Amino acid sequence: MPVITQETLDPATLRGIHKSKTSAHPIVKKYMDEIQAGATFPPIEVEVRQNGIESMLWVLDGEKRAAAHKELKLDVVANVARETAPMRIPCAAMIARRNVHKRLRKKKAEQKKKGPQ
């Protein structure tokens, strides 16, 4: 079960904000104007995803609000969901790959012992 914390984040570190969500987008532009006028928005929803060694912050909800903050170079308030136990995504794939390489090395070693046929 994930643990959710409220944090202030730099929007430049967030993934999942589409390239089209810039100040040219009408809703992003509207949000930028409202932020500059002093409006506050609800926190965006962010999930921490593991990609091997790296942890990435993915926007689940509030992409346009995050884009507006990013364009204005302002931090954004986010509800961040983190798994309580670290995920070991690469384990199964790495074990399978390692086993394949072990079998190949063993097969080559056996072929060397037998010599040319």
C-alpha atoms as a PDB file:
ATOM      1  CA  MET A   1       0.000   0.000   0.000  1.00  0.00           C
ATOM      2  CA  PRO A   2       1.498   3.346  -0.964  1.00  0.00           C
ATOM      3  CA  VAL A   3       2.271   6.095   1.508  1.00  0.00           C
ATOM      4  CA  ILE A   4       1.051   9.521   0.359  1.00  0.00           C
ATOM      5  CA  THR A   5       2.883  12.650   1.455  1.00  0.00           C
ATOM      6  CA  GLN A   6       2.386  16.267   0.482  1.00  0.00           C
ATOM      7  CA  GLU A   7       5.586  17.829  -0.842  1.00  0.00           C
ATOM      8  CA  THR A   8       6.764  20.892  -2.713  1.00  0.00           C
ATOM      9  CA  LEU A   9       8.471  19.846  -5.944  1.00  0.00           C
ATOM     10  CA  ASP A  10      10.342  21.472  -8.800  1.00  0.00           C
ATOM     11  CA  PRO A  11       8.142  20.790 -11.864  1.00  0.00           C
ATOM     12  CA  ALA A  12      11.274  20.349 -14.015  1.00  0.00           C
ATOM     13  CA  THR A  13      11.881  17.032 -12.204  1.00  0.00           C
ATOM     14  CA  LEU A  14       8.449  15.643 -13.109  1.00  0.00           C
ATOM     15  CA  ARG A  15       7.810  13.157 -15.907  1.00  0.00           C
ATOM     16  CA  GLY A  16       4.572  12.738 -17.800  1.00  0.00           C
ATOM     17  CA  ILE A  17       4.033  16.378 -18.772  1.00  0.00           C
ATOM     18  CA  HIS A  18       3.357  16.289 -22.517  1.00  0.00           C
ATOM     19  CA  LYS A  19       5.506  18.533 -24.729  1.00  0.00           C
ATOM     20  CA  SER A  20       2.403  20.317 -26.044  1.00  0.00           C
ATOM     21  CA  LYS A  21       1.585  21.577 -22.544  1.00  0.00           C
ATOM     22  CA  THR A  22       3.399  24.911 -22.829  1.00  0.00           C
ATOM     23  CA  SER A  23       2.380  28.555 -22.442  1.00  0.00           C
ATOM     24  CA  ALA A  24       0.856  28.280 -25.946  1.00  0.00           C
ATOM     25  CA  HIS A  25      -1.795  25.876 -24.613  1.00  0.00           C
ATOM     26  CA  PRO A  26      -4.921  27.942 -23.704  1.00  0.00           C
ATOM     27  CA  ILE A  27      -5.604  26.218 -20.368  1.00  0.00           C
ATOM     28  CA  VAL A  28      -1.942  26.382 -19.311  1.00  0.00           C
ATOM     29  CA  LYS A  29      -1.922  30.079 -20.233  1.00  0.00           C
ATOM     30  CA  LYS A  30      -5.098  30.622 -18.163  1.00  0.00           C
ATOM     31  CA  TYR A  31      -3.539  28.828 -15.174  1.00  0.00           C
ATOM     32  CA  MET A  32      -0.350  30.885 -15.545  1.00  0.00           C
ATOM     33  CA  ASP A  33      -2.378  34.112 -15.425  1.00  0.00           C
ATOM     34  CA  GLU A  34      -4.285  32.890 -12.355  1.00  0.00           C
ATOM     35  CA  ILE A  35      -1.068  31.857 -10.554  1.00  0.00           C
ATOM     36  CA  GLN A  36       0.453  35.268 -11.235  1.00  0.00           C
ATOM     37  CA  ALA A  37      -2.734  36.866  -9.852  1.00  0.00           C
ATOM     38  CA  GLY A  38      -2.257  34.909  -6.598  1.00  0.00           C
ATOM     39  CA  ALA A  39      -4.629  31.973  -7.082  1.00  0.00           C
ATOM     40  CA  THR A  40      -3.897  28.677  -5.361  1.00  0.00           C
ATOM     41  CA  PHE A  41      -4.657  25.293  -6.856  1.00  0.00           C
ATOM     42  CA  PRO A  42      -5.208  21.872  -5.322  1.00  0.00           C
ATOM     43  CA  PRO A  43      -2.093  19.675  -5.167  1.00  0.00           C
ATOM     44  CA  ILE A  44      -1.204  17.672  -8.252  1.00  0.00           C
ATOM     45  CA  GLU A  45      -1.065  13.876  -7.927  1.00  0.00           C
ATOM     46  CA  VAL A  46       2.352  12.298  -8.438  1.00  0.00           C
ATOM     47  CA  GLU A  47       3.542   8.696  -8.272  1.00  0.00           C
ATOM     48  CA  VAL A  48       7.106   7.511  -7.687  1.00  0.00           C
ATOM     49  CA  ARG A  49       8.067   4.874 -10.263  1.00  0.00           C
ATOM     50  CA  GLN A  50      11.199   2.782 -10.175  1.00  0.00           C
ATOM     51  CA  ASN A  51      13.146   2.345 -13.394  1.00  0.00           C
ATOM     52  CA  GLY A  52      15.944   0.008 -12.425  1.00  0.00           C
ATOM     53  CA  ILE A  53      18.184   2.190 -10.274  1.00  0.00           C
ATOM     54  CA  GLU A  54      16.448   5.526 -10.889  1.00  0.00           C
ATOM     55  CA  SER A  55      13.272   6.792  -9.230  1.00  0.00           C
ATOM     56  CA  MET A  56      11.038   8.981 -11.378  1.00  0.00           C
ATOM     57  CA  LEU A  57       8.152  11.240 -10.396  1.00  0.00           C
ATOM     58  CA  TRP A  58       5.198  10.773 -12.775  1.00  0.00           C
ATOM     59  CA  VAL A  59       2.259  13.187 -12.906  1.00  0.00           C
ATOM     60  CA  LEU A  60      -1.022  11.271 -12.590  1.00  0.00           C
ATOM     61  CA  ASP A  61      -3.361  14.251 -12.263  1.00  0.00           C
ATOM     62  CA  GLY A  62      -2.753  17.967 -12.755  1.00  0.00           C
ATOM     63  CA  GLU A  63      -0.556  17.921 -15.839  1.00  0.00           C
ATOM     64  CA  LYS A  64      -1.657  21.382 -16.979  1.00  0.00           C
ATOM     65  CA  ARG A  65      -1.257  22.867 -13.495  1.00  0.00           C
ATOM     66  CA  ALA A  66       2.242  21.381 -13.288  1.00  0.00           C
ATOM     67  CA  ALA A  67       3.034  22.723 -16.778  1.00  0.00           C
ATOM     68  CA  ALA A  68       1.906  26.221 -15.736  1.00  0.00           C
ATOM     69  CA  HIS A  69       4.182  26.119 -12.685  1.00  0.00           C
ATOM     70  CA  LYS A  70       7.017  24.788 -14.857  1.00  0.00           C
ATOM     71  CA  GLU A  71       6.600  27.649 -17.367  1.00  0.00           C
ATOM     72  CA  LEU A  72       6.676  30.190 -14.503  1.00  0.00           C
ATOM     73  CA  LYS A  73       9.653  28.379 -12.890  1.00  0.00           C
ATOM     74  CA  LEU A  74       7.737  27.995  -9.613  1.00  0.00           C
ATOM     75  CA  ASP A  75       7.577  24.996  -7.286  1.00  0.00           C
ATOM     76  CA  VAL A  76       4.329  23.045  -7.193  1.00  0.00           C
ATOM     77  CA  VAL A  77       2.570  21.343  -4.268  1.00  0.00           C
ATOM     78  CA  ALA A  78       2.035  17.640  -4.921  1.00  0.00           C
ATOM     79  CA  ASN A  79       0.579  14.600  -3.224  1.00  0.00           C
ATOM     80  CA  VAL A  80       3.338  12.032  -3.763  1.00  0.00           C
ATOM     81  CA  ALA A  81       2.511   8.307  -3.618  1.00  0.00           C
ATOM     82  CA  ARG A  82       5.437   6.056  -2.672  1.00  0.00           C
ATOM     83  CA  GLU A  83       5.462   2.300  -2.172  1.00  0.00           C
ATOM     84  CA  THR A  84       6.345   1.347   1.403  1.00  0.00           C
ATOM     85  CA  ALA A  85       8.702  -1.436   0.297  1.00  0.00           C
ATOM     86  CA  PRO A  86      11.277  -0.834  -2.415  1.00  0.00           C
ATOM     87  CA  MET A  87      10.320  -2.482  -5.679  1.00  0.00           C
ATOM     88  CA  ARG A  88      12.805  -4.953  -7.134  1.00  0.00           C
ATOM     89  CA  ILE A  89      11.713  -4.732 -10.764  1.00  0.00           C
ATOM     90  CA  PRO A  90      14.914  -5.898 -12.434  1.00  0.00           C
ATOM     91  CA  CYS A  91      15.349  -8.992 -10.250  1.00  0.00           C
ATOM     92  CA  ALA A  92      13.444 -11.586 -12.302  1.00  0.00           C
ATOM     93  CA  ALA A  93      14.769 -10.319 -15.628  1.00  0.00           C
ATOM     94  CA  MET A  94      18.337 -10.089 -14.335  1.00  0.00           C
ATOM     95  CA  ILE A  95      18.232 -13.597 -12.860  1.00  0.00           C
ATOM     96  CA  ALA A  96      16.867 -15.035 -16.111  1.00  0.00           C
ATOM     97  CA  ARG A  97      19.520 -13.192 -18.165  1.00  0.00           C
ATOM     98  CA  ARG A  98      22.294 -14.303 -15.799  1.00  0.00           C
ATOM     99  CA  ASN A  99      21.131 -17.933 -16.043  1.00  0.00           C
ATOM    100  CA  VAL A 100      21.172 -17.785 -19.854  1.00  0.00           C
ATOM    101  CA  HIS A 101      24.716 -16.405 -19.827  1.00  0.00           C
ATOM    102  CA  LYS A 102      25.824 -19.082 -17.334  1.00  0.00           C
ATOM    103  CA  ARG A 103      24.427 -21.826 -19.579  1.00  0.00           C
ATOM    104  CA  LEU A 104      26.163 -20.346 -22.646  1.00  0.00           C
ATOM    105  CA  ARG A 105      29.506 -20.123 -20.821  1.00  0.00           C
ATOM    106  CA  LYS A 106      29.133 -23.680 -19.549  1.00  0.00           C
ATOM    107  CA  LYS A 107      28.265 -24.940 -23.038  1.00  0.00           C
ATOM    108  CA  LYS A 108      31.301 -23.154 -24.569  1.00  0.00           C
ATOM    109  CA  ALA A 109      33.581 -24.547 -21.850  1.00  0.00           C
ATOM    110  CA  GLU A 110      32.320 -28.080 -22.533  1.00  0.00           C
ATOM    111  CA  GLN A 111      32.862 -27.637 -26.260  1.00  0.00           C
ATOM    112  CA  LYS A 112      36.473 -26.486 -25.633  1.00  0.00           C
ATOM    113  CA  LYS A 113      37.128 -29.576 -23.476  1.00  0.00           C
ATOM    114  CA  LYS A 114      35.827 -31.917 -26.189  1.00  0.00           C
ATOM    115  CA  GLY A 115      37.927 -30.224 -28.835  1.00  0.00           C
ATOM    116  CA  PRO A 116      37.126 -30.048 -32.544  1.00  0.00           C
ATOM    117  CA  GLN A 117      34.804 -32.718 -33.841  1.00  0.00           C
END
